[in-house]
């Protein structure tokens, strides 16, 4: 894991163009890992428990909105913690 950290850290210590590319790579990797996490069985079970009632099953739109807001909350937390850490080095 530390080798990957060093590799990603290398993107942030170059010219401004290299930093933009580096941040893009980091964001794409983060998105891929987030999507992988969202499809883990424990995550799917938690979301299913939220929409498992008979009443909620018929409201696909509401379930989709709930999932979107849940994901937005996860993402905001990561940005609020991660962005200052990246900017402050």
C-alpha atoms as a PDB file:
ATOM      1  CA  UNK A   1       0.000   0.000   0.000  1.00  0.00           C
ATOM      2  CA  UNK A   2       2.823   2.429   0.731  1.00  0.00           C
ATOM      3  CA  UNK A   3       4.161   1.925  -2.804  1.00  0.00           C
ATOM      4  CA  UNK A   4       0.798   3.066  -4.173  1.00  0.00           C
ATOM      5  CA  UNK A   5       0.812   6.051  -1.805  1.00  0.00           C
ATOM      6  CA  UNK A   6       4.294   7.015  -2.984  1.00  0.00           C
ATOM      7  CA  UNK A   7       3.227   6.646  -6.626  1.00  0.00           C
ATOM      8  CA  UNK A   8       0.151   8.850  -6.107  1.00  0.00           C
ATOM      9  CA  UNK A   9       2.177  11.348  -4.065  1.00  0.00           C
ATOM     10  CA  UNK A  10       4.603  11.662  -6.973  1.00  0.00           C
ATOM     11  CA  UNK A  11       1.819  13.150  -9.076  1.00  0.00           C
ATOM     12  CA  UNK A  12       1.456  16.069  -6.697  1.00  0.00           C
ATOM     13  CA  UNK A  13       5.110  17.176  -6.741  1.00  0.00           C
ATOM     14  CA  UNK A  14       5.683  18.422 -10.269  1.00  0.00           C
ATOM     15  CA  UNK A  15       4.732  21.225 -12.589  1.00  0.00           C
ATOM     16  CA  UNK A  16       1.215  22.626 -12.465  1.00  0.00           C
ATOM     17  CA  UNK A  17       0.264  20.585 -15.549  1.00  0.00           C
ATOM     18  CA  UNK A  18       1.531  17.417 -13.901  1.00  0.00           C
ATOM     19  CA  UNK A  19      -0.420  18.273 -10.757  1.00  0.00           C
ATOM     20  CA  UNK A  20      -3.640  18.684 -12.746  1.00  0.00           C
ATOM     21  CA  UNK A  21      -3.072  15.315 -14.407  1.00  0.00           C
ATOM     22  CA  UNK A  22      -2.129  13.839 -11.035  1.00  0.00           C
ATOM     23  CA  UNK A  23      -5.264  15.122  -9.341  1.00  0.00           C
ATOM     24  CA  UNK A  24      -7.352  13.791 -12.238  1.00  0.00           C
ATOM     25  CA  UNK A  25      -5.774  10.350 -11.872  1.00  0.00           C
ATOM     26  CA  UNK A  26      -6.339  10.413  -8.121  1.00  0.00           C
ATOM     27  CA  UNK A  27      -9.981  11.431  -8.580  1.00  0.00           C
ATOM     28  CA  UNK A  28     -10.565   8.673 -11.153  1.00  0.00           C
ATOM     29  CA  UNK A  29      -8.998   6.066  -8.876  1.00  0.00           C
ATOM     30  CA  UNK A  30     -11.112   7.368  -5.986  1.00  0.00           C
ATOM     31  CA  UNK A  31     -14.259   7.151  -8.091  1.00  0.00           C
ATOM     32  CA  UNK A  32     -13.457   3.588  -9.124  1.00  0.00           C
ATOM     33  CA  UNK A  33     -12.771   2.552  -5.525  1.00  0.00           C
ATOM     34  CA  UNK A  34     -15.965   4.284  -4.368  1.00  0.00           C
ATOM     35  CA  UNK A  35     -18.039   2.455  -6.969  1.00  0.00           C
ATOM     36  CA  UNK A  36     -16.424  -0.824  -5.935  1.00  0.00           C
ATOM     37  CA  UNK A  37     -17.243  -0.072  -2.288  1.00  0.00           C
ATOM     38  CA  UNK A  38     -20.834   0.824  -3.159  1.00  0.00           C
ATOM     39  CA  UNK A  39     -21.346  -2.573  -4.765  1.00  0.00           C
ATOM     40  CA  UNK A  40     -19.953  -4.553  -1.820  1.00  0.00           C
ATOM     41  CA  UNK A  41     -22.481  -6.981  -0.323  1.00  0.00           C
ATOM     42  CA  UNK A  42     -22.625  -5.153   3.016  1.00  0.00           C
ATOM     43  CA  UNK A  43     -23.464  -1.864   1.315  1.00  0.00           C
ATOM     44  CA  UNK A  44     -26.148  -3.456  -0.851  1.00  0.00           C
ATOM     45  CA  UNK A  45     -27.633  -5.123   2.228  1.00  0.00           C
ATOM     46  CA  UNK A  46     -27.767  -1.804   4.074  1.00  0.00           C
ATOM     47  CA  UNK A  47     -29.482  -0.045   1.176  1.00  0.00           C
ATOM     48  CA  UNK A  48     -31.888  -2.957   0.720  1.00  0.00           C
ATOM     49  CA  UNK A  49     -32.832  -2.714   4.395  1.00  0.00           C
ATOM     50  CA  UNK A  50     -33.721   0.943   3.884  1.00  0.00           C
ATOM     51  CA  UNK A  51     -36.094   0.230   1.007  1.00  0.00           C
ATOM     52  CA  UNK A  52     -37.296  -3.264   1.906  1.00  0.00           C
ATOM     53  CA  UNK A  53     -40.799  -2.397   3.093  1.00  0.00           C
ATOM     54  CA  UNK A  54     -43.686  -3.100   0.750  1.00  0.00           C
ATOM     55  CA  UNK A  55     -44.589   0.577   0.621  1.00  0.00           C
ATOM     56  CA  UNK A  56     -41.066   1.651  -0.322  1.00  0.00           C
ATOM     57  CA  UNK A  57     -40.632  -1.059  -2.952  1.00  0.00           C
ATOM     58  CA  UNK A  58     -43.258   0.597  -5.106  1.00  0.00           C
ATOM     59  CA  UNK A  59     -41.465   3.933  -4.913  1.00  0.00           C
ATOM     60  CA  UNK A  60     -38.407   3.387  -7.052  1.00  0.00           C
ATOM     61  CA  UNK A  61     -37.952   7.103  -7.576  1.00  0.00           C
ATOM     62  CA  UNK A  62     -37.824   7.744  -3.835  1.00  0.00           C
ATOM     63  CA  UNK A  63     -35.379   4.879  -3.357  1.00  0.00           C
ATOM     64  CA  UNK A  64     -33.144   6.275  -6.110  1.00  0.00           C
ATOM     65  CA  UNK A  65     -33.221   9.714  -4.526  1.00  0.00           C
ATOM     66  CA  UNK A  66     -32.372   8.224  -1.136  1.00  0.00           C
ATOM     67  CA  UNK A  67     -29.395   6.391  -2.658  1.00  0.00           C
ATOM     68  CA  UNK A  68     -28.235   9.534  -4.434  1.00  0.00           C
ATOM     69  CA  UNK A  69     -28.413  11.597  -1.253  1.00  0.00           C
ATOM     70  CA  UNK A  70     -26.627   8.887   0.702  1.00  0.00           C
ATOM     71  CA  UNK A  71     -23.844   8.855  -1.886  1.00  0.00           C
ATOM     72  CA  UNK A  72     -23.707  12.634  -1.867  1.00  0.00           C
ATOM     73  CA  UNK A  73     -23.255  12.565   1.904  1.00  0.00           C
ATOM     74  CA  UNK A  74     -20.446  10.028   1.623  1.00  0.00           C
ATOM     75  CA  UNK A  75     -18.746  12.100  -1.076  1.00  0.00           C
ATOM     76  CA  UNK A  76     -19.081  15.389   0.798  1.00  0.00           C
ATOM     77  CA  UNK A  77     -17.505  13.880   3.878  1.00  0.00           C
ATOM     78  CA  UNK A  78     -14.550  12.619   1.868  1.00  0.00           C
ATOM     79  CA  UNK A  79     -14.104  15.968   0.115  1.00  0.00           C
ATOM     80  CA  UNK A  80     -14.379  17.970   3.348  1.00  0.00           C
ATOM     81  CA  UNK A  81     -11.709  15.827   4.973  1.00  0.00           C
ATOM     82  CA  UNK A  82      -9.568  14.884   1.990  1.00  0.00           C
ATOM     83  CA  UNK A  83      -9.337  18.188   0.141  1.00  0.00           C
ATOM     84  CA  UNK A  84      -7.769  20.145   3.038  1.00  0.00           C
ATOM     85  CA  UNK A  85      -5.366  17.267   3.630  1.00  0.00           C
ATOM     86  CA  UNK A  86      -4.304  17.321  -0.025  1.00  0.00           C
ATOM     87  CA  UNK A  87      -4.000  21.104  -0.157  1.00  0.00           C
ATOM     88  CA  UNK A  88      -2.013  21.335   3.078  1.00  0.00           C
ATOM     89  CA  UNK A  89       0.240  18.444   2.106  1.00  0.00           C
END
